Amino acid sequence: MKIIVDAMGGDNAPREIVKGALLAHERLGVEIVLVGQREAIERCLRAEPGGYTPEIADAREIVTMDDDPSTATRRKKDSSMAVALRMLRDGAGDAVVSAGSTGALLTGATLTVRRIRGIRRAALAPVLPDGADGVMLIDCGANAECTPEYLLQFAYMGSFYMRHMHGVARPRVGLLSNGAEAHKGDALRHETFALLKDADARGRIRFVGNVEASQLFQNEADVLVTDGFTGNVLLKGVEGTLKYMLLSLKGMFYKNLKNKLAALAIKGEFSGLKTRLDPSEVGGTALLGIAKPVIKAHGSSDARAFYSAIRQAQLFAGSGIIDEITRHIDDMRLSPAAEEA
C-alpha cells in the first residue's frame, strides 16, 4: 500500500512529518510518497538513520493557516496539499495524510478527489475515547449549516466506519440534542430524529434516540450525529476540559511528598489514562464522504502522532468503507414519506 504524505503541512513540518512517515514504513511496511519542497525533505531524510528512501514529489508552494481555505488549493496549485490530492485522484497512491489547514484540505478533497456520488457533504469524523470502542462525533466542523438529509447521511457513514474500523457489530446511533426526550431540540433536530427513527424501523441503522453532551463518555452511543458548528463547539470544549483535568492532576500529584508517593503508587494507571486520552494515539480524523481515503492529522502532530495518522490511513484504505457507502447510497435518500413531510 502506498500513502501520499503532505510533508509541508502542520506546525512541525517537514521534520516531524518525515520522521513519522519513516516510522510508518518501518513498522507498517507501507510505501511512502513525501510531497513538498525537495531540498527541505532531503535534509530531513539525511538526518534520519536507516536505509529506506521514500519517493519524493516536488511541490514548491505551501498552504498556510493564513490562506483562504475555500480557494487555497486552487490558487496554490503547486502546493504540497494540492499536489498530494491530485496524485490521490489520479491513482498514484491509496490515501492522503495531511496536517495542514483543515478547511483547505476539506475543500481541496471535495473539489479534486470529489465526494462519493450521492453524498451531499463530506464530514469530519473523529473517534473520541469513551472507555469502550470510542464514540464517533460526526460532523465536528466541516459543515456549520446542515439539513436533515446531511445528518441522515452522517449517521450511515459513521455506522459503516465504526463497524469496519472498530469492529462494532451494530453501531448505536445517537442524535446530539439538549435533552434525551424526543421532543427536545430545534427544527433540525426534530426533522432528523424522524429520519433516523424511520431508518431504524427499516433496519438500516440502529437509532437509540437523543443523547445529551453530558452523556458523551457514558457509552450511550457509538456514533453521535450533529451539525458541524455544534460538533466543533463540543469537541473544543472536550479537548479543553481534558487538558485542564490532566494538568490539574499533575499539579496535585507534585504538590508535596505525600502526594508524590501517592502518584508513584498509581503511576501505571495514570499513564494508561493519559494514553487513552492522547490524540497522538489516534493520529487523525477521517474525511468521510470523499471518494478516496483522506486523513486529517492534527496540526501540531509530532512524529508519533503522524505515524498514527498513517496507520489510520492504511486501515481506512483497506477497510472497504467507501465501497459500502457507495453501495448504500439509495438507503441514505429521504423516503417519500419524509419528503412529503
Protein backbone atom coordinates (compact mmCIF):
# COMPACT_ATOMS: atom_id res chain seq x y z
CA MET A 1 0.00 0.00 0.00
CA LYS A 2 1.21 3.50 -0.83
CA ILE A 3 0.40 6.50 1.36
CA ILE A 4 0.77 10.03 -0.02
CA VAL A 5 2.02 12.42 2.66
CA ASP A 6 1.71 16.21 2.63
CA ALA A 7 5.17 16.82 4.08
CA MET A 8 4.79 20.60 4.40
CA GLY A 9 1.50 20.77 6.31
CA GLY A 10 1.32 21.38 10.05
CA ASP A 11 3.28 23.14 12.77
CA ASN A 12 6.20 20.70 12.79
CA ALA A 13 6.67 20.15 9.06
CA PRO A 14 8.66 18.79 7.45
CA ARG A 15 10.93 17.31 10.15
CA GLU A 16 8.33 15.53 12.31
CA ILE A 17 6.25 14.57 9.28
CA VAL A 18 9.23 12.87 7.65
CA LYS A 19 10.16 11.09 10.89
CA GLY A 20 6.60 9.84 11.31
CA ALA A 21 6.47 8.65 7.70
CA LEU A 22 9.72 6.72 8.07
CA LEU A 23 8.43 5.15 11.27
CA ALA A 24 5.27 4.09 9.45
CA HIS A 25 7.29 2.40 6.72
CA GLU A 26 9.42 0.60 9.31
CA ARG A 27 6.52 -0.64 11.44
CA LEU A 28 3.68 -0.99 8.92
CA GLY A 29 5.52 -1.78 5.71
CA VAL A 30 3.68 0.90 3.75
CA GLU A 31 5.32 2.70 0.86
CA ILE A 32 5.53 6.46 1.29
CA VAL A 33 5.39 9.40 -1.11
CA LEU A 34 6.56 12.64 0.50
CA VAL A 35 5.10 15.69 -1.23
CA GLY A 36 6.78 19.06 -0.74
CA GLN A 37 9.92 21.09 -1.25
CA ARG A 38 12.50 18.51 -2.28
CA GLU A 39 15.55 20.11 -0.68
CA ALA A 40 13.83 20.51 2.70
CA ILE A 41 12.60 16.90 2.64
CA GLU A 42 16.03 15.59 1.63
CA ARG A 43 17.67 17.46 4.52
CA CYS A 44 15.29 15.75 6.92
CA LEU A 45 15.93 12.34 5.35
CA ARG A 46 19.70 12.77 5.67
CA ALA A 47 19.28 13.44 9.39
CA GLU A 48 17.47 10.13 9.95
CA PRO A 49 19.19 6.73 10.17
CA GLY A 50 18.04 3.82 8.07
CA GLY A 51 18.26 2.66 4.50
CA TYR A 52 14.73 3.46 3.27
CA THR A 53 14.45 6.32 0.78
CA PRO A 54 10.82 7.22 0.07
CA GLU A 55 9.63 8.67 -3.17
CA ILE A 56 9.58 12.49 -3.25
CA ALA A 57 7.11 14.53 -5.31
CA ASP A 58 8.42 18.08 -5.56
CA ALA A 59 5.91 20.84 -4.76
CA ARG A 60 7.15 24.39 -4.33
CA GLU A 61 4.24 26.09 -2.52
CA ILE A 62 2.79 25.66 0.97
CA VAL A 63 -0.80 26.15 2.09
CA THR A 64 -0.64 28.18 5.31
CA MET A 65 -3.21 28.87 8.01
CA ASP A 66 -3.50 32.42 6.64
CA ASP A 67 -4.70 31.21 3.24
CA ASP A 68 -8.41 31.33 2.46
CA PRO A 69 -9.49 27.68 2.89
CA SER A 70 -12.09 27.94 0.13
CA THR A 71 -9.52 28.88 -2.53
CA ALA A 72 -6.14 27.75 -1.16
CA THR A 73 -5.60 24.62 -3.26
CA ARG A 74 -6.95 26.31 -6.40
CA ARG A 75 -4.72 29.36 -6.03
CA LYS A 76 -1.69 27.37 -4.92
CA LYS A 77 -1.80 24.59 -7.48
CA ASP A 78 1.85 23.71 -6.81
CA SER A 79 1.35 23.42 -3.05
CA SER A 80 2.14 20.16 -1.29
CA MET A 81 -1.52 19.73 -0.35
CA ALA A 82 -2.85 20.34 -3.86
CA VAL A 83 -0.27 18.07 -5.49
CA ALA A 84 -0.94 15.29 -2.94
CA LEU A 85 -4.69 15.42 -3.61
CA ARG A 86 -4.19 15.33 -7.38
CA MET A 87 -1.92 12.32 -7.00
CA LEU A 88 -4.60 10.53 -4.99
CA ARG A 89 -7.23 11.41 -7.59
CA ASP A 90 -5.00 10.08 -10.38
CA GLY A 91 -4.26 6.79 -8.64
CA ALA A 92 -0.66 7.47 -7.59
CA GLY A 93 -1.41 6.27 -4.06
CA ASP A 94 -4.05 4.72 -1.84
CA ALA A 95 -4.62 7.53 0.69
CA VAL A 96 -3.54 11.05 1.59
CA VAL A 97 -2.49 12.23 5.05
CA SER A 98 -2.07 15.94 5.82
CA ALA A 99 -1.64 18.01 8.97
CA GLY A 100 -2.31 21.22 7.05
CA SER A 101 -5.30 23.56 7.20
CA THR A 102 -8.47 21.59 7.88
CA GLY A 103 -10.66 23.88 5.77
CA ALA A 104 -8.26 23.85 2.84
CA LEU A 105 -7.91 20.05 2.97
CA LEU A 106 -11.67 19.55 3.07
CA THR A 107 -12.30 21.97 0.21
CA GLY A 108 -9.39 20.60 -1.80
CA ALA A 109 -10.50 17.00 -1.31
CA THR A 110 -14.07 17.89 -2.30
CA LEU A 111 -13.03 19.73 -5.46
CA THR A 112 -10.14 17.49 -6.53
CA VAL A 113 -10.82 13.96 -5.29
CA ARG A 114 -14.59 14.63 -5.22
CA ARG A 115 -17.32 13.29 -2.98
CA ILE A 116 -18.83 9.84 -3.33
CA ARG A 117 -21.63 10.18 -5.85
CA GLY A 118 -24.86 10.89 -3.97
CA ILE A 119 -23.21 12.13 -0.76
CA ARG A 120 -24.31 15.71 -0.13
CA ARG A 121 -21.46 16.81 2.13
CA ALA A 122 -18.25 15.28 3.43
CA ALA A 123 -17.87 15.26 7.21
CA LEU A 124 -15.06 15.39 9.74
CA ALA A 125 -15.47 12.39 12.00
CA PRO A 126 -13.09 11.99 14.96
CA VAL A 127 -13.44 8.99 17.26
CA LEU A 128 -13.25 10.03 20.91
CA PRO A 129 -12.34 7.68 23.78
CA ASP A 130 -15.25 6.60 25.98
CA GLY A 131 -13.88 3.52 27.72
CA ALA A 132 -15.12 1.05 25.08
CA ASP A 133 -14.58 1.24 21.33
CA GLY A 134 -14.84 5.03 21.26
CA VAL A 135 -17.62 7.28 20.07
CA MET A 136 -17.56 8.97 16.68
CA LEU A 137 -18.59 12.62 16.60
CA ILE A 138 -19.90 13.43 13.13
CA ASP A 139 -19.73 16.22 11.99
CA CYS A 140 -17.20 18.16 14.05
CA GLY A 141 -16.57 21.20 11.87
CA ALA A 142 -16.87 20.65 8.15
CA ASN A 143 -20.47 21.84 7.76
CA ALA A 144 -21.63 24.65 10.02
CA GLU A 145 -25.10 24.61 8.48
CA CYS A 146 -26.76 21.27 7.81
CA THR A 147 -30.03 19.85 6.54
CA PRO A 148 -31.72 16.75 7.97
CA GLU A 149 -30.57 14.80 4.91
CA TYR A 150 -26.92 15.65 5.65
CA LEU A 151 -27.30 14.34 9.19
CA LEU A 152 -29.03 11.19 7.95
CA GLN A 153 -26.08 10.51 5.67
CA PHE A 154 -23.64 11.22 8.51
CA ALA A 155 -25.41 8.56 10.57
CA TYR A 156 -24.97 5.94 7.86
CA MET A 157 -21.33 6.83 7.15
CA GLY A 158 -20.47 6.84 10.84
CA SER A 159 -22.11 3.44 11.31
CA PHE A 160 -20.13 1.93 8.44
CA TYR A 161 -16.90 3.39 9.83
CA MET A 162 -17.42 2.09 13.36
CA ARG A 163 -18.32 -1.36 12.07
CA HIS A 164 -15.34 -1.69 9.75
CA MET A 165 -12.67 0.19 11.72
CA HIS A 166 -13.66 -0.59 15.31
CA GLY A 167 -15.45 -3.91 14.99
CA VAL A 168 -18.77 -2.70 16.41
CA ALA A 169 -21.28 -5.21 15.01
CA ARG A 170 -24.38 -2.98 15.30
CA PRO A 171 -23.27 0.59 15.98
CA ARG A 172 -25.69 2.63 18.09
CA VAL A 173 -26.50 6.00 16.53
CA GLY A 174 -27.44 8.89 18.79
CA LEU A 175 -28.55 12.40 17.88
CA LEU A 176 -26.85 15.15 19.90
CA SER A 177 -29.53 17.31 21.49
CA ASN A 178 -30.30 19.35 24.60
CA GLY A 179 -32.35 16.58 26.17
CA ALA A 180 -33.00 12.87 25.83
CA GLU A 181 -36.73 13.27 25.17
CA ALA A 182 -37.88 13.02 21.55
CA HIS A 183 -39.46 16.49 21.60
CA LYS A 184 -36.22 18.25 22.65
CA GLY A 185 -34.11 20.27 20.24
CA ASP A 186 -34.67 22.71 17.39
CA ALA A 187 -36.29 22.13 13.99
CA LEU A 188 -33.17 20.47 12.58
CA ARG A 189 -33.07 18.01 15.46
CA HIS A 190 -36.82 17.27 15.21
CA GLU A 191 -36.69 16.52 11.48
CA THR A 192 -33.51 14.50 11.78
CA PHE A 193 -34.96 12.50 14.68
CA ALA A 194 -37.86 11.42 12.46
CA LEU A 195 -35.50 10.39 9.63
CA LEU A 196 -33.26 8.38 11.93
CA LYS A 197 -36.24 6.71 13.57
CA ASP A 198 -37.56 5.74 10.14
CA ALA A 199 -34.16 4.34 9.11
CA ASP A 200 -34.11 2.31 12.32
CA ALA A 201 -37.62 0.96 11.65
CA ARG A 202 -36.46 -0.21 8.23
CA GLY A 203 -33.47 -1.97 9.78
CA ARG A 204 -30.92 0.29 8.09
CA ILE A 205 -29.30 1.75 11.22
CA ARG A 206 -29.64 1.28 14.97
CA PHE A 207 -31.00 4.55 16.33
CA VAL A 208 -31.02 5.00 20.12
CA GLY A 209 -32.57 8.47 20.26
CA ASN A 210 -31.34 11.81 21.55
CA VAL A 211 -28.11 11.97 23.53
CA GLU A 212 -27.05 14.89 25.71
CA ALA A 213 -23.49 16.26 25.68
CA SER A 214 -23.06 15.13 29.28
CA GLN A 215 -23.53 11.53 28.11
CA LEU A 216 -20.72 11.69 25.54
CA PHE A 217 -18.38 9.45 27.55
CA GLN A 218 -21.02 7.24 29.13
CA ASN A 219 -21.13 4.65 26.33
CA GLU A 220 -24.63 5.71 25.28
CA ALA A 221 -23.85 5.64 21.54
CA ASP A 222 -21.14 4.56 19.11
CA VAL A 223 -21.95 7.33 16.62
CA LEU A 224 -23.10 10.77 17.73
CA VAL A 225 -24.64 12.79 14.90
CA THR A 226 -24.77 16.58 14.82
CA ASP A 227 -24.14 19.61 12.63
CA GLY A 228 -20.57 20.84 12.23
CA PHE A 229 -21.00 24.01 14.29
CA THR A 230 -22.40 22.23 17.35
CA GLY A 231 -19.98 19.34 16.95
CA ASN A 232 -16.96 21.63 16.79
CA VAL A 233 -18.04 23.55 19.88
CA LEU A 234 -18.49 20.25 21.76
CA LEU A 235 -15.14 18.90 20.57
CA LYS A 236 -13.22 22.04 21.57
CA GLY A 237 -14.93 22.00 24.96
CA VAL A 238 -13.97 18.37 25.49
CA GLU A 239 -10.35 18.99 24.45
CA GLY A 240 -10.05 21.96 26.79
CA THR A 241 -11.62 20.12 29.71
CA LEU A 242 -9.41 17.06 29.33
CA LYS A 243 -6.29 19.20 29.09
CA TYR A 244 -7.29 21.12 32.22
CA MET A 245 -8.03 17.93 34.16
CA LEU A 246 -4.72 16.28 33.28
CA LEU A 247 -2.74 19.40 34.16
CA SER A 248 -4.64 19.76 37.43
CA LEU A 249 -3.97 16.15 38.37
CA LYS A 250 -0.30 16.54 37.56
CA GLY A 251 -0.09 19.67 39.71
CA MET A 252 -1.86 17.91 42.58
CA PHE A 253 0.47 14.91 42.43
CA TYR A 254 3.60 17.05 42.69
CA LYS A 255 2.26 19.33 45.43
CA ASN A 256 4.03 17.63 48.36
CA LEU A 257 5.83 14.45 49.37
CA LYS A 258 2.66 12.63 50.40
CA ASN A 259 1.05 13.31 47.02
CA LYS A 260 4.24 12.31 45.19
CA LEU A 261 4.20 8.95 46.95
CA ALA A 262 0.54 8.51 46.02
CA ALA A 263 1.36 9.41 42.43
CA LEU A 264 4.14 6.82 42.39
CA ALA A 265 1.68 4.16 43.54
CA ILE A 266 -0.71 4.82 40.65
CA LYS A 267 1.87 5.80 38.04
CA GLY A 268 0.95 2.92 35.74
CA GLU A 269 -2.78 3.61 35.88
CA PHE A 270 -2.25 7.33 35.34
CA SER A 271 -0.01 6.68 32.33
CA GLY A 272 -2.69 4.38 30.92
CA LEU A 273 -5.28 7.12 31.33
CA LYS A 274 -3.06 9.66 29.56
CA THR A 275 -2.51 7.20 26.71
CA ARG A 276 -6.25 6.62 26.26
CA LEU A 277 -6.86 10.36 26.12
CA ASP A 278 -3.82 11.17 23.98
CA PRO A 279 -4.79 12.33 20.45
CA SER A 280 -1.36 11.14 19.27
CA GLU A 281 -2.60 7.57 19.64
CA VAL A 282 -5.42 8.17 17.13
CA GLY A 283 -3.40 10.49 14.94
CA GLY A 284 -6.06 11.83 12.64
CA THR A 285 -9.63 12.32 11.57
CA ALA A 286 -11.22 10.69 8.53
CA LEU A 287 -12.96 12.86 5.94
CA LEU A 288 -16.00 10.66 5.39
CA GLY A 289 -17.84 11.06 2.12
CA ILE A 290 -14.77 11.68 -0.05
CA ALA A 291 -14.35 9.17 -2.89
CA LYS A 292 -10.85 8.11 -1.74
CA PRO A 293 -9.29 7.99 1.74
CA VAL A 294 -8.16 11.35 3.13
CA ILE A 295 -6.98 11.67 6.74
CA LYS A 296 -6.56 15.00 8.53
CA ALA A 297 -3.76 14.79 11.09
CA HIS A 298 -3.65 17.25 13.97
CA GLY A 299 -1.84 20.47 13.10
CA SER A 300 0.60 20.06 16.00
CA SER A 301 1.37 16.42 15.18
CA ASP A 302 4.78 15.12 16.20
CA ALA A 303 6.35 12.05 14.61
CA ARG A 304 4.38 9.61 16.78
CA ALA A 305 1.06 11.30 16.04
CA PHE A 306 1.78 11.38 12.32
CA TYR A 307 2.76 7.72 12.37
CA SER A 308 -0.63 7.00 13.97
CA ALA A 309 -2.37 9.04 11.26
CA ILE A 310 -0.64 6.99 8.56
CA ARG A 311 -1.64 3.78 10.36
CA GLN A 312 -5.23 5.02 10.35
CA ALA A 313 -4.98 5.83 6.63
CA GLN A 314 -3.69 2.33 5.93
CA LEU A 315 -6.56 0.72 7.80
CA PHE A 316 -9.11 3.05 6.22
CA ALA A 317 -7.85 2.38 2.70
CA GLY A 318 -8.14 -1.38 3.21
CA SER A 319 -11.44 -1.35 5.11
CA GLY A 320 -13.98 -1.25 2.28
CA ILE A 321 -15.88 1.62 3.94
CA ILE A 322 -16.01 3.74 0.80
CA ASP A 323 -17.35 0.81 -1.23
CA GLU A 324 -20.04 0.15 1.38
CA ILE A 325 -21.12 3.81 1.44
CA THR A 326 -21.35 3.71 -2.35
CA ARG A 327 -23.48 0.55 -2.30
CA HIS A 328 -25.92 2.04 0.21
CA ILE A 329 -26.47 5.48 -1.29
CA ASP A 330 -30.11 4.68 -2.07
CA ASP A 331 -30.72 3.85 1.61
CA MET A 332 -29.49 7.31 2.55
CA ARG A 333 -32.00 9.16 0.42
CA LEU A 334 -35.08 10.64 2.02
CA SER A 335 -38.07 8.29 1.98
CA PRO A 336 -41.18 9.51 0.12
CA ALA A 337 -42.97 9.98 3.46
CA ALA A 338 -40.13 12.14 4.77
CA GLU A 339 -40.02 14.23 1.60
CA GLU A 340 -43.76 14.89 1.80
CA ALA A 341 -43.44 15.95 5.43
